[in-house]
C-alpha atoms as a PDB file:
ATOM      1  CA  MET A   1     -56.135  -5.021 125.060  1.00  0.00           C
ATOM      2  CA  PRO A   2     -54.552  -1.569 126.742  1.00  0.00           C
ATOM      3  CA  PRO A   3     -54.547  -1.787 130.053  1.00  0.00           C
ATOM      4  CA  LYS A   4     -57.079   0.102 132.199  1.00  0.00           C
ATOM      5  CA  LYS A   5     -56.286   3.603 133.386  1.00  0.00           C
ATOM      6  CA  LYS A   6     -56.285   4.015 136.963  1.00  0.00           C
ATOM      7  CA  LYS A   7     -57.797   7.039 138.774  1.00  0.00           C
ATOM      8  CA  GLY A   8     -56.119   9.454 140.435  1.00  0.00           C
ATOM      9  CA  LYS A   9     -52.425  10.778 140.319  1.00  0.00           C
ATOM     10  CA  GLY A  10     -53.234  11.394 136.979  1.00  0.00           C
ATOM     11  CA  LYS A  11     -50.589  13.978 135.839  1.00  0.00           C
ATOM     12  CA  LYS A  12     -47.606  11.600 137.379  1.00  0.00           C
ATOM     13  CA  LYS A  13     -49.083   8.592 135.789  1.00  0.00           C
ATOM     14  CA  GLY A  14     -49.660  10.397 132.529  1.00  0.00           C
ATOM     15  CA  LYS A  15     -45.949  10.615 131.917  1.00  0.00           C
ATOM     16  CA  LYS A  16     -45.457   7.609 133.015  1.00  0.00           C
ATOM     17  CA  GLY A  17     -47.569   5.920 130.360  1.00  0.00           C
ATOM     18  CA  LYS A  18     -46.072   7.737 127.593  1.00  0.00           C
ATOM     19  CA  LYS A  19     -42.791   6.181 128.770  1.00  0.00           C
ATOM     20  CA  ASP A  20     -44.235   3.115 128.909  1.00  0.00           C
ATOM     21  CA  GLU A  21     -45.865   3.365 125.556  1.00  0.00           C
ATOM     22  CA  ALA A  22     -42.494   4.337 124.045  1.00  0.00           C
ATOM     23  CA  LYS A  23     -41.086   1.367 125.739  1.00  0.00           C
ATOM     24  CA  GLU A  24     -43.199  -0.845 124.353  1.00  0.00           C
ATOM     25  CA  GLU A  25     -43.203   0.673 121.137  1.00  0.00           C
ATOM     26  CA  ASP A  26     -39.568   0.126 121.189  1.00  0.00           C
ATOM     27  CA  LYS A  27     -39.769  -3.201 121.962  1.00  0.00           C
ATOM     28  CA  PHE A  28     -42.553  -3.827 119.594  1.00  0.00           C
ATOM     29  CA  LYS A  29     -39.520  -2.425 116.377  1.00  0.00           C
ATOM     30  CA  LYS A  30     -37.122  -4.657 118.071  1.00  0.00           C
ATOM     31  CA  THR A  31     -39.353  -7.644 118.317  1.00  0.00           C
ATOM     32  CA  VAL A  32     -40.204  -6.567 114.457  1.00  0.00           C
ATOM     33  CA  ARG A  33     -36.768  -6.250 113.535  1.00  0.00           C
ATOM     34  CA  GLU A  34     -35.904  -9.669 115.212  1.00  0.00           C
ATOM     35  CA  ILE A  35     -38.726 -11.498 113.449  1.00  0.00           C
ATOM     36  CA  GLU A  36     -37.393  -9.493 110.129  1.00  0.00           C
ATOM     37  CA  ILE A  37     -34.147 -11.102 110.900  1.00  0.00           C
ATOM     38  CA  LEU A  38     -35.537 -14.499 112.100  1.00  0.00           C
ATOM     39  CA  LYS A  39     -37.323 -14.344 108.718  1.00  0.00           C
ATOM     40  CA  ASP A  40     -34.319 -13.586 106.530  1.00  0.00           C
ATOM     41  CA  HIS A  41     -32.427 -16.346 108.859  1.00  0.00           C
ATOM     42  CA  LEU A  42     -35.635 -18.736 107.944  1.00  0.00           C
ATOM     43  CA  ALA A  43     -35.477 -17.748 104.541  1.00  0.00           C
ATOM     44  CA  HIS A  44     -31.777 -18.183 104.196  1.00  0.00           C
ATOM     45  CA  ARG A  45     -31.960 -21.437 106.111  1.00  0.00           C
ATOM     46  CA  ASN A  46     -34.534 -22.360 103.813  1.00  0.00           C
ATOM     47  CA  GLU A  47     -32.364 -21.660 100.808  1.00  0.00           C
ATOM     48  CA  ILE A  48     -29.941 -23.974 102.776  1.00  0.00           C
ATOM     49  CA  ALA A  49     -32.273 -26.630 102.668  1.00  0.00           C
ATOM     50  CA  ARG A  50     -33.775 -26.467  99.554  1.00  0.00           C
ATOM     51  CA  ARG A  51     -30.285 -26.616  98.160  1.00  0.00           C
ATOM     52  CA  SER A  52     -29.352 -29.181 100.266  1.00  0.00           C
ATOM     53  CA  GLN A  53     -32.415 -31.014  99.120  1.00  0.00           C
ATOM     54  CA  ALA A  54     -31.547 -30.723  95.564  1.00  0.00           C
ATOM     55  CA  ALA A  55     -28.031 -31.696  96.139  1.00  0.00           C
ATOM     56  CA  ALA A  56     -29.336 -34.586  98.169  1.00  0.00           C
ATOM     57  CA  ALA A  57     -31.414 -35.445  95.534  1.00  0.00           C
ATOM     58  CA  ASP A  58     -28.714 -34.910  92.986  1.00  0.00           C
ATOM     59  CA  ALA A  59     -26.280 -37.003  94.854  1.00  0.00           C
ATOM     60  CA  THR A  60     -29.034 -39.861  95.647  1.00  0.00           C
ATOM     61  CA  GLN A  61     -29.522 -39.889  91.496  1.00  0.00           C
ATOM     62  CA  LYS A  62     -25.709 -40.174  91.138  1.00  0.00           C
ATOM     63  CA  LEU A  63     -25.599 -42.784  93.799  1.00  0.00           C
ATOM     64  CA  ARG A  64     -28.235 -44.703  91.952  1.00  0.00           C
ATOM     65  CA  GLU A  65     -26.361 -44.364  88.654  1.00  0.00           C
ATOM     66  CA  ALA A  66     -23.236 -45.583  90.508  1.00  0.00           C
ATOM     67  CA  GLU A  67     -24.926 -48.387  91.691  1.00  0.00           C
ATOM     68  CA  SER A  68     -26.330 -48.982  88.326  1.00  0.00           C
ATOM     69  CA  GLN A  69     -22.868 -48.903  86.827  1.00  0.00           C
ATOM     70  CA  MET A  70     -21.313 -50.755  89.722  1.00  0.00           C
ATOM     71  CA  SER A  71     -23.983 -53.538  88.988  1.00  0.00           C
ATOM     72  CA  GLU A  72     -23.388 -53.500  85.750  1.00  0.00           C
ATOM     73  CA  GLN A  73     -19.504 -53.383  86.097  1.00  0.00           C
ATOM     74  CA  LYS A  74     -19.936 -56.305  88.314  1.00  0.00           C
ATOM     75  CA  LEU A  75     -22.097 -58.413  85.758  1.00  0.00           C
ATOM     76  CA  VAL A  76     -19.092 -57.592  83.324  1.00  0.00           C
ATOM     77  CA  GLN A  77     -16.681 -58.470  85.754  1.00  0.00           C
ATOM     78  CA  LYS A  78     -18.459 -61.556  86.663  1.00  0.00           C
ATOM     79  CA  ASP A  79     -18.383 -62.588  82.834  1.00  0.00           C
ATOM     80  CA  VAL A  80     -15.034 -61.369  82.176  1.00  0.00           C
ATOM     81  CA  SER A  81     -14.111 -63.440  85.486  1.00  0.00           C
ATOM     82  CA  ALA A  82     -16.102 -66.489  84.244  1.00  0.00           C
ATOM     83  CA  ASP A  83     -14.540 -66.166  80.494  1.00  0.00           C
ATOM     84  CA  LEU A  84     -10.593 -66.042  82.336  1.00  0.00           C
ATOM     85  CA  THR A  85     -11.487 -69.235  84.352  1.00  0.00           C
ATOM     86  CA  ARG A  86     -12.947 -70.851  81.570  1.00  0.00           C
ATOM     87  CA  GLN A  87      -9.887 -69.941  79.520  1.00  0.00           C
ATOM     88  CA  TYR A  88      -7.560 -70.655  82.522  1.00  0.00           C
ATOM     89  CA  LYS A  89      -8.700 -74.261  82.757  1.00  0.00           C
ATOM     90  CA  THR A  90      -8.718 -74.766  78.825  1.00  0.00           C
ATOM     91  CA  MET A  91      -5.033 -73.381  78.860  1.00  0.00           C
ATOM     92  CA  GLN A  92      -4.589 -75.905  82.389  1.00  0.00           C
ATOM     93  CA  THR A  93      -6.192 -78.942  80.113  1.00  0.00           C
ATOM     94  CA  GLU A  94      -4.234 -77.828  77.187  1.00  0.00           C
ATOM     95  CA  MET A  95      -0.857 -77.375  79.081  1.00  0.00           C
ATOM     96  CA  GLY A  96      -1.790 -80.601  80.961  1.00  0.00           C
ATOM     97  CA  ILE A  97      -1.856 -82.956  77.605  1.00  0.00           C
ATOM     98  CA  ARG A  98       1.031 -81.132  76.203  1.00  0.00           C
ATOM     99  CA  LEU A  99       2.968 -81.798  79.497  1.00  0.00           C
ATOM    100  CA  HIS A 100       1.951 -85.132  79.221  1.00  0.00           C
ATOM    101  CA  GLN A 101       2.876 -85.502  75.461  1.00  0.00           C
ATOM    102  CA  LEU A 102       6.367 -84.011  76.456  1.00  0.00           C
ATOM    103  CA  GLU A 103       6.981 -86.426  79.015  1.00  0.00           C
ATOM    104  CA  ALA A 104       5.896 -89.342  76.845  1.00  0.00           C
ATOM    105  CA  GLU A 105       7.953 -87.973  73.919  1.00  0.00           C
ATOM    106  CA  VAL A 106      10.921 -87.220  76.453  1.00  0.00           C
ATOM    107  CA  SER A 107      10.523 -90.919  77.757  1.00  0.00           C
ATOM    108  CA  HIS A 108      10.894 -91.976  74.465  1.00  0.00           C
ATOM    109  CA  LEU A 109      13.559 -90.240  73.701  1.00  0.00           C
ATOM    110  CA  GLN A 110      15.629 -91.225  76.650  1.00  0.00           C
ATOM    111  CA  GLN A 111      14.929 -94.878  75.635  1.00  0.00           C
ATOM    112  CA  GLN A 112      16.458 -93.982  72.081  1.00  0.00           C
ATOM    113  CA  LEU A 113      18.940 -92.779  73.429  1.00  0.00           C
ATOM    114  CA  THR A 114      19.744 -95.611  75.617  1.00  0.00           C
ATOM    115  CA  HIS A 115      19.516 -97.935  72.548  1.00  0.00           C
ATOM    116  CA  VAL A 116      22.032 -95.590  70.843  1.00  0.00           C
ATOM    117  CA  ARG A 117      24.573 -95.274  73.697  1.00  0.00           C
ATOM    118  CA  GLN A 118      24.108 -99.385  73.679  1.00  0.00           C
ATOM    119  CA  ASP A 119      24.761 -99.709  70.119  1.00  0.00           C
ATOM    120  CA  LEU A 120      27.424 -97.181  70.049  1.00  0.00           C
ATOM    121  CA  LYS A 121      29.322 -99.024  72.849  1.00  0.00           C
ATOM    122  CA  LYS A 122      28.777-102.403  71.111  1.00  0.00           C
ATOM    123  CA  THR A 123      30.132-100.725  67.814  1.00  0.00           C
ATOM    124  CA  VAL A 124      33.190 -99.324  70.019  1.00  0.00           C
ATOM    125  CA  GLU A 125      33.979-102.825  71.542  1.00  0.00           C
ATOM    126  CA  GLU A 126      33.340-104.496  68.141  1.00  0.00           C
ATOM    127  CA  LYS A 127      35.786-101.835  66.680  1.00  0.00           C
ATOM    128  CA  GLU A 128      38.356-102.162  69.328  1.00  0.00           C
ATOM    129  CA  LYS A 129      38.209-106.402  69.022  1.00  0.00           C
ATOM    130  CA  MET A 130      38.424-105.885  64.962  1.00  0.00           C
ATOM    131  CA  GLU A 131      41.278-103.477  65.670  1.00  0.00           C
ATOM    132  CA  LYS A 132      42.991-106.236  67.775  1.00  0.00           C
ATOM    133  CA  GLU A 133      42.258-109.028  65.556  1.00  0.00           C
ATOM    134  CA  LYS A 134      43.655-107.162  62.829  1.00  0.00           C
ATOM    135  CA  ASN A 135      46.756-105.783  64.546  1.00  0.00           C
ATOM    136  CA  GLU A 136      47.455-109.414  65.504  1.00  0.00           C
ATOM    137  CA  ARG A 137      47.193-110.487  62.209  1.00  0.00           C
ATOM    138  CA  ILE A 138      49.193-107.544  60.862  1.00  0.00           C
ATOM    139  CA  ARG A 139      51.743-108.737  63.418  1.00  0.00           C
ATOM    140  CA  ASP A 140      51.499-112.629  62.387  1.00  0.00           C
ATOM    141  CA  LEU A 141      51.628-111.666  58.894  1.00  0.00           C
ATOM    142  CA  GLU A 142      54.505-109.407  59.471  1.00  0.00           C
ATOM    143  CA  THR A 143      56.263-112.614  61.456  1.00  0.00           C
ATOM    144  CA  ARG A 144      55.721-114.898  58.731  1.00  0.00           C
ATOM    145  CA  ILE A 145      56.979-112.227  55.843  1.00  0.00           C
ATOM    146  CA  ASP A 146      59.837-111.736  58.320  1.00  0.00           C
ATOM    147  CA  GLY A 147      60.040-115.946  58.487  1.00  0.00           C
ATOM    148  CA  MET A 148      59.472-115.844  54.714  1.00  0.00           C
ATOM    149  CA  GLU A 149      62.158-113.002  53.917  1.00  0.00           C
ATOM    150  CA  GLY A 150      64.865-115.282  56.044  1.00  0.00           C
ATOM    151  CA  ALA A 151      63.553-118.354  54.076  1.00  0.00           C
ATOM    152  CA  TYR A 152      63.616-116.978  50.656  1.00  0.00           C
ATOM    153  CA  GLU A 153      66.858-115.401  51.527  1.00  0.00           C
ATOM    154  CA  ARG A 154      68.231-118.614  52.585  1.00  0.00           C
ATOM    155  CA  VAL A 155      66.670-120.536  49.670  1.00  0.00           C
ATOM    156  CA  LEU A 156      67.862-117.700  46.951  1.00  0.00           C
ATOM    157  CA  THR A 157      71.340-118.005  48.766  1.00  0.00           C
ATOM    158  CA  GLU A 158      71.342-121.629  48.284  1.00  0.00           C
ATOM    159  CA  ALA A 159      70.304-121.362  44.926  1.00  0.00           C
ATOM    160  CA  LEU A 160      72.728-118.658  44.106  1.00  0.00           C
ATOM    161  CA  ASP A 161      75.571-121.016  45.449  1.00  0.00           C
ATOM    162  CA  SER A 162      74.303-123.795  43.622  1.00  0.00           C
ATOM    163  CA  LEU A 163      73.881-122.187  40.574  1.00  0.00           C
ATOM    164  CA  LEU A 164      77.571-120.517  41.096  1.00  0.00           C
ATOM    165  CA  ASP A 165      78.548-124.027  42.007  1.00  0.00           C
ATOM    166  CA  ARG A 166      77.094-125.562  38.520  1.00  0.00           C
ATOM    167  CA  ILE A 167      78.840-122.574  36.819  1.00  0.00           C
ATOM    168  CA  GLU A 168      82.051-123.536  38.323  1.00  0.00           C
ATOM    169  CA  VAL A 169      81.890-126.768  37.147  1.00  0.00           C
ATOM    170  CA  ALA A 170      80.471-126.256  33.832  1.00  0.00           C
ATOM    171  CA  LYS A 171      83.289-123.626  33.479  1.00  0.00           C
ATOM    172  CA  VAL A 172      85.922-126.296  34.083  1.00  0.00           C
ATOM    173  CA  LYS A 173      84.026-128.939  31.761  1.00  0.00           C
ATOM    174  CA  TRP A 174      84.041-126.276  28.896  1.00  0.00           C
ATOM    175  CA  GLU A 175      87.740-125.064  29.685  1.00  0.00           C
ATOM    176  CA  LYS A 176      88.706-128.516  29.320  1.00  0.00           C
ATOM    177  CA  GLU A 177      86.336-129.000  26.446  1.00  0.00           C
ATOM    178  CA  SER A 178      87.880-125.697  25.164  1.00  0.00           C
ATOM    179  CA  ILE A 179      91.325-127.065  25.534  1.00  0.00           C
ATOM    180  CA  ASN A 180      90.194-130.336  24.000  1.00  0.00           C
ATOM    181  CA  ILE A 181      88.982-128.428  20.773  1.00  0.00           C
ATOM    182  CA  GLN A 182      91.839-126.223  20.293  1.00  0.00           C
ATOM    183  CA  GLU A 183      94.240-129.122  20.778  1.00  0.00           C
ATOM    184  CA  ASN A 184      91.893-131.313  17.935  1.00  0.00           C
ATOM    185  CA  THR A 185      92.151-127.829  15.802  1.00  0.00           C
ATOM    186  CA  LYS A 186      95.947-127.462  16.058  1.00  0.00           C
ATOM    187  CA  LYS A 187      96.159-130.947  14.949  1.00  0.00           C
ATOM    188  CA  THR A 188      93.952-130.666  12.299  1.00  0.00           C
ATOM    189  CA  LEU A 189      95.290-127.454  10.798  1.00  0.00           C
ATOM    190  CA  LEU A 190      98.676-128.795  10.892  1.00  0.00           C
ATOM    191  CA  GLU A 191      97.244-131.848   8.869  1.00  0.00           C
ATOM    192  CA  PHE A 192      96.539-129.245   6.320  1.00  0.00           C
ATOM    193  CA  GLY A 193      99.936-127.650   6.700  1.00  0.00           C
ATOM    194  CA  LEU A 194      98.949-124.721   8.465  1.00  0.00           C
ATOM    195  CA  ASN A 195     100.079-122.933  11.683  1.00  0.00           C
ATOM    196  CA  HIS A 196      97.124-122.038  13.991  1.00  0.00           C
ATOM    197  CA  LEU A 197      99.367-118.495  15.041  1.00  0.00           C
ATOM    198  CA  ASP A 198      99.104-117.411  11.127  1.00  0.00           C
ATOM    199  CA  ILE A 199      95.091-117.562  11.342  1.00  0.00           C
END
């Protein structure tokens, strides 16, 4: 509602009223400009808010998808973890059985090795004993052979000496017989009138 005009001093107040109206009009224009600026700012902010809401909705959707993927990944990891745990337990059990088998095999092989070592020791001792006995027997036989060689040498020497004595006796005997035979032969030849030197 426009302000009421006061009576009196009309001319002066008329000029002032025009000035006031101009000021009011400037204020109004300024206010309209400010409102337009504020509307632009508001529209800009609304656009930013709309974009932010869209981005927020998109981010929320992506978050939900990521959470879904994460849940699926957790389930897969849980399955993989359970499978790996099962495989580990199976492998651990198999390794335990294999270790037990290897320990039993090592124990058995150690027992066999102990027996083999004992047999080897016994065999070596028996071999050494046999070699000692063989060497003793060889020495004994060599001693006996040496003794027998001496005995044979003595026997042979005695036999040869005896043979030589007998030969010598036989020689003397044959020489005597030969002389007797020659004498008899000479006599016989002379009886027949023959000289033994001519024959």
